[in-house]
Amino acid sequence: MYELNKINLILTENRIKVHVFNPSKRKIWCVVGEQNEYWLDQSLNFCSCKGYYFTRLNQKMSCYHLKSVEIAYKNKNKNIDIVEFTDEEYDGFLLSVIYNLYD
């Protein structure tokens, strides 16, 4: 129940973001959490949150961030905020993501 409430909050507050780099259309996904932004790779079923790490190790399940993105996808991206960048900004953006993961 607690997880379902968090998923609903993420969806209703449009806290799912996809950063699209043009013209290549490369995408970097994140969910804005209560304290951090969590970076996701849907193709790998990966999330940078601690909950993902512990649930994957113990229960072979995904976290509620990934479940939120899955639901938003099924809702035809209705709850996804698209942020556009140029391809020239890609390297700097990735560096800031990596820096924030270890901050």
N, C-alpha and C. Protein backbone atom coordinates (compact mmCIF):
# COMPACT_ATOMS: atom_id res chain seq x y z
N MET A 1 0.82 -1.20 0.00
CA MET A 1 0.00 0.00 0.00
C MET A 1 0.86 1.26 0.00
N TYR A 2 1.91 1.27 0.81
CA TYR A 2 2.82 2.41 0.90
C TYR A 2 3.44 2.69 -0.46
N GLU A 3 3.86 1.62 -1.16
CA GLU A 3 4.48 1.76 -2.48
C GLU A 3 3.48 2.32 -3.48
N LEU A 4 2.25 1.87 -3.44
CA LEU A 4 1.21 2.34 -4.34
C LEU A 4 0.96 3.83 -4.14
N ASN A 5 0.97 4.29 -2.91
CA ASN A 5 0.81 5.72 -2.63
C ASN A 5 1.95 6.53 -3.23
N LYS A 6 3.17 6.01 -3.14
CA LYS A 6 4.31 6.72 -3.72
C LYS A 6 4.23 6.76 -5.24
N ILE A 7 3.80 5.67 -5.85
CA ILE A 7 3.63 5.64 -7.30
C ILE A 7 2.59 6.67 -7.73
N ASN A 8 1.46 6.71 -7.03
CA ASN A 8 0.41 7.68 -7.36
C ASN A 8 0.90 9.11 -7.22
N LEU A 9 1.70 9.38 -6.21
CA LEU A 9 2.26 10.71 -6.01
C LEU A 9 3.20 11.09 -7.16
N ILE A 10 4.05 10.17 -7.57
CA ILE A 10 4.97 10.42 -8.68
C ILE A 10 4.17 10.74 -9.95
N LEU A 11 3.13 9.97 -10.20
CA LEU A 11 2.33 10.18 -11.41
C LEU A 11 1.53 11.47 -11.36
N THR A 12 0.87 11.75 -10.25
CA THR A 12 0.01 12.93 -10.18
C THR A 12 0.82 14.23 -10.15
N GLU A 13 2.05 14.15 -9.65
CA GLU A 13 2.90 15.35 -9.60
C GLU A 13 3.83 15.45 -10.80
N ASN A 14 3.65 14.58 -11.79
CA ASN A 14 4.48 14.58 -13.01
C ASN A 14 5.98 14.63 -12.70
N ARG A 15 6.42 13.73 -11.85
CA ARG A 15 7.82 13.71 -11.45
C ARG A 15 8.67 12.78 -12.31
N ILE A 16 8.10 12.26 -13.38
CA ILE A 16 8.88 11.45 -14.33
C ILE A 16 9.35 12.39 -15.42
N LYS A 17 10.64 12.36 -15.69
CA LYS A 17 11.22 13.23 -16.71
C LYS A 17 12.03 12.40 -17.69
N VAL A 18 11.90 12.74 -18.95
CA VAL A 18 12.76 12.15 -19.96
C VAL A 18 13.50 13.32 -20.62
N HIS A 19 14.81 13.23 -20.60
CA HIS A 19 15.66 14.25 -21.20
C HIS A 19 16.01 13.76 -22.61
N VAL A 20 15.53 14.48 -23.61
CA VAL A 20 15.71 14.09 -25.01
C VAL A 20 16.74 15.01 -25.64
N PHE A 21 17.74 14.39 -26.25
CA PHE A 21 18.82 15.14 -26.89
C PHE A 21 18.61 15.10 -28.40
N ASN A 22 18.57 16.28 -29.00
CA ASN A 22 18.29 16.41 -30.44
C ASN A 22 19.51 16.88 -31.22
N PRO A 23 19.71 16.40 -32.41
CA PRO A 23 18.77 15.63 -33.22
C PRO A 23 18.87 14.11 -33.06
N SER A 24 19.76 13.59 -32.23
CA SER A 24 19.98 12.14 -32.13
C SER A 24 18.81 11.39 -31.49
N LYS A 25 17.99 12.09 -30.69
CA LYS A 25 16.87 11.49 -29.95
C LYS A 25 17.32 10.54 -28.83
N ARG A 26 18.58 10.69 -28.37
CA ARG A 26 19.01 9.92 -27.20
C ARG A 26 18.18 10.39 -26.00
N LYS A 27 17.92 9.44 -25.09
CA LYS A 27 17.06 9.76 -23.95
C LYS A 27 17.71 9.32 -22.64
N ILE A 28 17.55 10.17 -21.64
CA ILE A 28 17.95 9.83 -20.27
C ILE A 28 16.72 10.07 -19.40
N TRP A 29 16.33 9.02 -18.68
CA TRP A 29 15.13 9.05 -17.85
C TRP A 29 15.47 9.31 -16.39
N CYS A 30 14.58 10.01 -15.69
CA CYS A 30 14.74 10.15 -14.24
C CYS A 30 13.37 10.30 -13.59
N VAL A 31 13.35 9.98 -12.31
CA VAL A 31 12.18 10.23 -11.48
C VAL A 31 12.67 11.14 -10.34
N VAL A 32 11.98 12.24 -10.17
CA VAL A 32 12.33 13.17 -9.10
C VAL A 32 11.71 12.63 -7.82
N GLY A 33 12.58 12.23 -6.89
CA GLY A 33 12.12 11.68 -5.63
C GLY A 33 11.99 12.76 -4.57
N GLU A 34 11.78 12.32 -3.35
CA GLU A 34 11.62 13.26 -2.24
C GLU A 34 12.93 13.98 -1.91
N GLN A 35 14.06 13.29 -2.11
CA GLN A 35 15.34 13.88 -1.76
C GLN A 35 16.35 13.91 -2.90
N ASN A 36 16.16 13.06 -3.91
CA ASN A 36 17.11 12.96 -5.02
C ASN A 36 16.38 12.74 -6.33
N GLU A 37 17.15 12.85 -7.41
CA GLU A 37 16.66 12.40 -8.70
C GLU A 37 17.23 11.02 -8.93
N TYR A 38 16.41 10.10 -9.39
CA TYR A 38 16.85 8.73 -9.62
C TYR A 38 16.86 8.46 -11.12
N TRP A 39 17.99 7.97 -11.59
CA TRP A 39 18.20 7.76 -13.02
C TRP A 39 17.85 6.34 -13.37
N LEU A 40 17.13 6.19 -14.49
CA LEU A 40 16.60 4.90 -14.89
C LEU A 40 17.06 4.50 -16.28
N ASP A 41 17.16 3.21 -16.49
CA ASP A 41 17.33 2.64 -17.82
C ASP A 41 16.32 1.52 -17.95
N GLN A 42 15.26 1.79 -18.66
CA GLN A 42 14.17 0.82 -18.77
C GLN A 42 14.62 -0.46 -19.47
N SER A 43 15.48 -0.32 -20.46
CA SER A 43 15.91 -1.52 -21.21
C SER A 43 16.69 -2.48 -20.32
N LEU A 44 17.36 -1.95 -19.32
CA LEU A 44 18.13 -2.78 -18.38
C LEU A 44 17.37 -3.05 -17.10
N ASN A 45 16.16 -2.46 -16.99
CA ASN A 45 15.39 -2.55 -15.76
C ASN A 45 16.23 -2.10 -14.56
N PHE A 46 16.84 -0.90 -14.71
CA PHE A 46 17.75 -0.37 -13.70
C PHE A 46 17.26 0.98 -13.18
N CYS A 47 17.45 1.19 -11.87
CA CYS A 47 17.21 2.48 -11.24
C CYS A 47 18.36 2.76 -10.28
N SER A 48 18.74 4.01 -10.15
CA SER A 48 19.88 4.36 -9.30
C SER A 48 19.52 4.48 -7.81
N CYS A 49 18.27 4.24 -7.44
CA CYS A 49 17.88 4.38 -6.04
C CYS A 49 18.38 3.19 -5.19
N LYS A 50 18.50 3.43 -3.90
CA LYS A 50 18.93 2.37 -2.99
C LYS A 50 17.89 1.26 -2.88
N GLY A 51 16.63 1.62 -2.97
CA GLY A 51 15.57 0.63 -2.90
C GLY A 51 15.68 -0.40 -4.02
N TYR A 52 16.05 0.06 -5.20
CA TYR A 52 16.24 -0.86 -6.33
C TYR A 52 17.34 -1.87 -6.00
N TYR A 53 18.43 -1.36 -5.49
CA TYR A 53 19.57 -2.22 -5.17
C TYR A 53 19.17 -3.31 -4.18
N PHE A 54 18.49 -2.92 -3.12
CA PHE A 54 18.14 -3.90 -2.08
C PHE A 54 17.01 -4.83 -2.50
N THR A 55 16.00 -4.32 -3.22
CA THR A 55 14.92 -5.21 -3.64
C THR A 55 15.40 -6.17 -4.72
N ARG A 56 16.27 -5.71 -5.61
CA ARG A 56 16.79 -6.60 -6.65
C ARG A 56 17.64 -7.71 -6.04
N LEU A 57 18.42 -7.37 -5.04
CA LEU A 57 19.27 -8.38 -4.40
C LEU A 57 18.44 -9.41 -3.64
N ASN A 58 17.44 -8.94 -2.94
CA ASN A 58 16.69 -9.81 -2.04
C ASN A 58 15.46 -10.46 -2.66
N GLN A 59 14.76 -9.75 -3.52
CA GLN A 59 13.48 -10.24 -3.98
C GLN A 59 13.37 -10.35 -5.50
N LYS A 60 14.39 -9.95 -6.21
CA LYS A 60 14.38 -9.98 -7.69
C LYS A 60 13.22 -9.17 -8.25
N MET A 61 12.92 -8.04 -7.62
CA MET A 61 11.84 -7.16 -8.06
C MET A 61 12.42 -5.80 -8.43
N SER A 62 11.62 -4.99 -9.08
CA SER A 62 12.07 -3.63 -9.37
C SER A 62 11.51 -2.67 -8.33
N CYS A 63 11.99 -1.44 -8.37
CA CYS A 63 11.55 -0.43 -7.40
C CYS A 63 10.30 0.29 -7.90
N TYR A 64 9.73 1.12 -7.04
CA TYR A 64 8.51 1.84 -7.41
C TYR A 64 8.77 2.93 -8.44
N HIS A 65 10.03 3.40 -8.58
CA HIS A 65 10.34 4.39 -9.62
C HIS A 65 10.14 3.76 -11.01
N LEU A 66 10.68 2.55 -11.19
CA LEU A 66 10.51 1.85 -12.46
C LEU A 66 9.05 1.50 -12.71
N LYS A 67 8.34 1.12 -11.67
CA LYS A 67 6.92 0.80 -11.83
C LYS A 67 6.13 2.04 -12.23
N SER A 68 6.52 3.21 -11.70
CA SER A 68 5.86 4.47 -12.06
C SER A 68 6.04 4.77 -13.54
N VAL A 69 7.25 4.58 -14.04
CA VAL A 69 7.52 4.84 -15.46
C VAL A 69 6.73 3.86 -16.33
N GLU A 70 6.66 2.62 -15.90
CA GLU A 70 5.90 1.61 -16.64
C GLU A 70 4.42 2.01 -16.74
N ILE A 71 3.85 2.48 -15.65
CA ILE A 71 2.45 2.90 -15.63
C ILE A 71 2.26 4.13 -16.52
N ALA A 72 3.18 5.09 -16.43
CA ALA A 72 3.07 6.30 -17.26
C ALA A 72 3.14 5.94 -18.74
N TYR A 73 3.97 4.98 -19.09
CA TYR A 73 4.07 4.51 -20.47
C TYR A 73 2.73 3.93 -20.92
N LYS A 74 2.11 3.14 -20.07
CA LYS A 74 0.82 2.54 -20.41
C LYS A 74 -0.27 3.60 -20.56
N ASN A 75 -0.09 4.73 -19.87
CA ASN A 75 -1.03 5.85 -19.96
C ASN A 75 -0.69 6.78 -21.12
N LYS A 76 0.10 6.27 -22.07
CA LYS A 76 0.49 7.02 -23.26
C LYS A 76 1.26 8.30 -22.92
N ASN A 77 2.21 8.16 -21.98
CA ASN A 77 3.14 9.23 -21.60
C ASN A 77 2.45 10.45 -20.99
N LYS A 78 1.24 10.28 -20.53
CA LYS A 78 0.46 11.39 -19.98
C LYS A 78 1.14 12.03 -18.76
N ASN A 79 1.89 11.24 -18.00
CA ASN A 79 2.50 11.73 -16.76
C ASN A 79 4.00 11.94 -16.89
N ILE A 80 4.48 12.11 -18.11
CA ILE A 80 5.92 12.25 -18.34
C ILE A 80 6.23 13.66 -18.82
N ASP A 81 7.18 14.30 -18.15
CA ASP A 81 7.63 15.63 -18.53
C ASP A 81 8.82 15.47 -19.48
N ILE A 82 8.71 15.98 -20.69
CA ILE A 82 9.78 15.87 -21.68
C ILE A 82 10.59 17.15 -21.65
N VAL A 83 11.92 17.00 -21.45
CA VAL A 83 12.84 18.13 -21.41
C VAL A 83 13.82 17.96 -22.57
N GLU A 84 13.88 18.94 -23.44
CA GLU A 84 14.72 18.81 -24.63
C GLU A 84 16.04 19.56 -24.49
N PHE A 85 17.08 18.93 -25.03
CA PHE A 85 18.43 19.48 -25.06
C PHE A 85 19.00 19.28 -26.45
N THR A 86 20.15 19.88 -26.71
CA THR A 86 20.86 19.61 -27.95
C THR A 86 21.88 18.50 -27.70
N ASP A 87 22.30 17.84 -28.77
CA ASP A 87 23.32 16.79 -28.64
C ASP A 87 24.63 17.34 -28.06
N GLU A 88 24.90 18.60 -28.29
CA GLU A 88 26.12 19.21 -27.75
C GLU A 88 26.11 19.26 -26.22
N GLU A 89 24.94 19.21 -25.63
CA GLU A 89 24.81 19.26 -24.17
C GLU A 89 24.88 17.88 -23.52
N TYR A 90 24.90 16.83 -24.32
CA TYR A 90 24.82 15.45 -23.81
C TYR A 90 25.98 15.10 -22.86
N ASP A 91 27.22 15.34 -23.28
CA ASP A 91 28.38 14.98 -22.45
C ASP A 91 28.35 15.70 -21.10
N GLY A 92 28.09 16.99 -21.12
CA GLY A 92 28.02 17.75 -19.87
C GLY A 92 26.88 17.28 -18.98
N PHE A 93 25.77 16.93 -19.59
CA PHE A 93 24.63 16.43 -18.82
C PHE A 93 24.98 15.11 -18.15
N LEU A 94 25.59 14.19 -18.89
CA LEU A 94 26.00 12.90 -18.32
C LEU A 94 26.99 13.08 -17.18
N LEU A 95 27.93 13.99 -17.35
CA LEU A 95 28.89 14.26 -16.27
C LEU A 95 28.19 14.75 -15.01
N SER A 96 27.20 15.61 -15.18
CA SER A 96 26.48 16.11 -13.99
C SER A 96 25.66 14.99 -13.34
N VAL A 97 25.11 14.08 -14.14
CA VAL A 97 24.37 12.93 -13.58
C VAL A 97 25.31 12.07 -12.75
N ILE A 98 26.47 11.76 -13.31
CA ILE A 98 27.44 10.93 -12.61
C ILE A 98 27.93 11.61 -11.34
N TYR A 99 28.20 12.90 -11.43
CA TYR A 99 28.65 13.63 -10.25
C TYR A 99 27.59 13.59 -9.14
N ASN A 100 26.33 13.79 -9.51
CA ASN A 100 25.24 13.78 -8.53
C ASN A 100 25.01 12.41 -7.91
N LEU A 101 25.34 11.35 -8.63
CA LEU A 101 25.18 10.01 -8.07
C LEU A 101 26.15 9.79 -6.91
N TYR A 102 27.29 10.42 -6.97
CA TYR A 102 28.32 10.20 -5.96
C TYR A 102 28.45 11.37 -5.00
N ASP A 103 27.58 12.33 -5.11
CA ASP A 103 27.63 13.51 -4.25
C ASP A 103 27.10 13.23 -2.87
